[in-house]
Every structure is written in structure tokens, then in C-alpha cells.
Amino acid sequence: MEKAEVEQRVKKVICRVLGVSEDMIEPDSHFVFDLGAESTQSVELVAAFEAEFGIEMDDEAALSVDTVGAAVDFISGYVA
């Protein structure tokens, strides 16, 4: 799967879970500081990414990912 496709799908999930518009989301956007994610939403994001991509991620490692670009790289590793 192309990294650009992963990025688009990641953005879609972020919009849905956090209720932000896609134009707010940049690769260096921090989930908490820039996009307003609360701790419960971080868990929701991980679950939503797993559902979107049909993967199972290591929860502890996934929750340590704090920017959109890092999430794209992390998920790309699973779907490669």
C-alpha cells in the first residue's frame, strides 16, 4: 500500500474520531497539543486505525506515537 494512501486513510480516521477538519491535519500535527485528543480518544484512535487497516498493533507502541506523520510511518510498517 502506498504511503500516500495510508496518509489519506489516517486523516479520514482522525477526522472521524477527533471531529477535526482535514485541513487542520499536517504530518507534524501533534494528536494532543494540535488536534486536541484526550487520553480516551488516543485509545479510540488506535482501535479505529486497526479497524481501518485490518491490522493489530502493539497498543503500548501505538499509544507512544504522538504525531500524524509518525502514525503514518508506524501504520505503513504494518501494512507493507
C-alpha atoms as a PDB file:
ATOM      1  CA  MET A   1       0.000   0.000   0.000  1.00  0.00           C
ATOM      2  CA  GLU A   2       1.340   3.433  -0.953  1.00  0.00           C
ATOM      3  CA  LYS A   3       2.307   5.758   1.870  1.00  0.00           C
ATOM      4  CA  ALA A   4       0.071   8.467   0.359  1.00  0.00           C
ATOM      5  CA  GLU A   5      -2.929   6.133   0.608  1.00  0.00           C
ATOM      6  CA  VAL A   6      -2.058   5.303   4.225  1.00  0.00           C
ATOM      7  CA  GLU A   7      -1.836   9.041   4.964  1.00  0.00           C
ATOM      8  CA  GLN A   8      -5.266   9.765   3.409  1.00  0.00           C
ATOM      9  CA  ARG A   9      -6.904   6.943   5.357  1.00  0.00           C
ATOM     10  CA  VAL A  10      -5.170   8.019   8.591  1.00  0.00           C
ATOM     11  CA  LYS A  11      -6.518  11.551   8.091  1.00  0.00           C
ATOM     12  CA  LYS A  12     -10.030  10.190   7.496  1.00  0.00           C
ATOM     13  CA  VAL A  13      -9.910   8.270  10.774  1.00  0.00           C
ATOM     14  CA  ILE A  14      -8.560  11.291  12.679  1.00  0.00           C
ATOM     15  CA  CYS A  15     -11.364  13.494  11.323  1.00  0.00           C
ATOM     16  CA  ARG A  16     -13.974  10.940  12.369  1.00  0.00           C
ATOM     17  CA  VAL A  17     -12.589  10.192  15.851  1.00  0.00           C
ATOM     18  CA  LEU A  18     -11.446  13.682  16.873  1.00  0.00           C
ATOM     19  CA  GLY A  19     -14.050  15.691  14.977  1.00  0.00           C
ATOM     20  CA  VAL A  20     -11.480  17.962  13.318  1.00  0.00           C
ATOM     21  CA  SER A  21     -11.451  19.107   9.704  1.00  0.00           C
ATOM     22  CA  GLU A  22      -8.897  17.586   7.352  1.00  0.00           C
ATOM     23  CA  ASP A  23      -7.289  20.964   6.613  1.00  0.00           C
ATOM     24  CA  MET A  24      -6.164  21.115  10.280  1.00  0.00           C
ATOM     25  CA  ILE A  25      -4.145  17.919   9.895  1.00  0.00           C
ATOM     26  CA  GLU A  26      -0.480  18.186   8.929  1.00  0.00           C
ATOM     27  CA  PRO A  27       2.219  15.486   9.157  1.00  0.00           C
ATOM     28  CA  ASP A  28       3.748  17.276  12.161  1.00  0.00           C
ATOM     29  CA  SER A  29       0.386  17.801  13.910  1.00  0.00           C
ATOM     30  CA  HIS A  30       0.551  16.500  17.480  1.00  0.00           C
ATOM     31  CA  PHE A  31      -2.531  14.493  18.440  1.00  0.00           C
ATOM     32  CA  VAL A  32      -2.882  16.102  21.886  1.00  0.00           C
ATOM     33  CA  PHE A  33      -1.416  19.594  21.511  1.00  0.00           C
ATOM     34  CA  ASP A  34      -2.530  20.427  17.955  1.00  0.00           C
ATOM     35  CA  LEU A  35      -5.616  18.261  17.444  1.00  0.00           C
ATOM     36  CA  GLY A  36      -6.993  18.220  20.996  1.00  0.00           C
ATOM     37  CA  ALA A  37      -7.041  14.448  21.557  1.00  0.00           C
ATOM     38  CA  GLU A  38      -7.791  13.346  25.096  1.00  0.00           C
ATOM     39  CA  SER A  39      -6.386  10.120  26.537  1.00  0.00           C
ATOM     40  CA  THR A  40      -9.592   8.163  25.867  1.00  0.00           C
ATOM     41  CA  GLN A  41      -9.547   9.387  22.269  1.00  0.00           C
ATOM     42  CA  SER A  42      -5.983   8.134  21.856  1.00  0.00           C
ATOM     43  CA  VAL A  43      -7.217   4.628  22.621  1.00  0.00           C
ATOM     44  CA  GLU A  44     -10.152   5.160  20.224  1.00  0.00           C
ATOM     45  CA  LEU A  45      -7.726   6.268  17.501  1.00  0.00           C
ATOM     46  CA  VAL A  46      -5.633   3.109  17.862  1.00  0.00           C
ATOM     47  CA  ALA A  47      -8.775   0.945  17.645  1.00  0.00           C
ATOM     48  CA  ALA A  48     -10.039   2.940  14.645  1.00  0.00           C
ATOM     49  CA  PHE A  49      -6.685   2.615  12.837  1.00  0.00           C
ATOM     50  CA  GLU A  50      -6.708  -1.140  13.477  1.00  0.00           C
ATOM     51  CA  ALA A  51     -10.244  -1.406  12.071  1.00  0.00           C
ATOM     52  CA  GLU A  52      -9.499   0.832   9.073  1.00  0.00           C
ATOM     53  CA  PHE A  53      -6.411  -1.119   8.030  1.00  0.00           C
ATOM     54  CA  GLY A  54      -7.399  -4.592   9.276  1.00  0.00           C
ATOM     55  CA  ILE A  55      -4.286  -4.841  11.441  1.00  0.00           C
ATOM     56  CA  GLU A  56      -3.476  -5.449  15.083  1.00  0.00           C
ATOM     57  CA  MET A  57      -0.918  -3.059  16.521  1.00  0.00           C
ATOM     58  CA  ASP A  58       1.057  -3.255  19.736  1.00  0.00           C
ATOM     59  CA  ASP A  59      -1.067  -0.946  21.903  1.00  0.00           C
ATOM     60  CA  GLU A  60       1.775   0.363  24.034  1.00  0.00           C
ATOM     61  CA  ALA A  61       3.903   1.202  20.984  1.00  0.00           C
ATOM     62  CA  ALA A  62       0.901   2.664  19.141  1.00  0.00           C
ATOM     63  CA  LEU A  63      -0.009   4.928  22.066  1.00  0.00           C
ATOM     64  CA  SER A  64       3.543   6.311  22.137  1.00  0.00           C
ATOM     65  CA  VAL A  65       3.088   7.664  18.583  1.00  0.00           C
ATOM     66  CA  ASP A  66       2.259  11.336  19.024  1.00  0.00           C
ATOM     67  CA  THR A  67       2.169  12.971  15.574  1.00  0.00           C
ATOM     68  CA  VAL A  68       0.223  12.303  12.391  1.00  0.00           C
ATOM     69  CA  GLY A  69       3.389  11.664  10.358  1.00  0.00           C
ATOM     70  CA  ALA A  70       4.676   9.207  12.954  1.00  0.00           C
ATOM     71  CA  ALA A  71       1.310   7.399  12.852  1.00  0.00           C
ATOM     72  CA  VAL A  72       1.511   7.143   9.057  1.00  0.00           C
ATOM     73  CA  ASP A  73       5.046   5.701   9.297  1.00  0.00           C
ATOM     74  CA  PHE A  74       4.020   3.331  12.112  1.00  0.00           C
ATOM     75  CA  ILE A  75       0.973   2.012  10.255  1.00  0.00           C
ATOM     76  CA  SER A  76       2.904   1.795   6.969  1.00  0.00           C
ATOM     77  CA  GLY A  77       5.207  -0.680   8.713  1.00  0.00           C
ATOM     78  CA  TYR A  78       2.228  -2.914   9.457  1.00  0.00           C
ATOM     79  CA  VAL A  79       0.651  -2.810   6.009  1.00  0.00           C
ATOM     80  CA  ALA A  80       3.868  -3.081   3.976  1.00  0.00           C
END
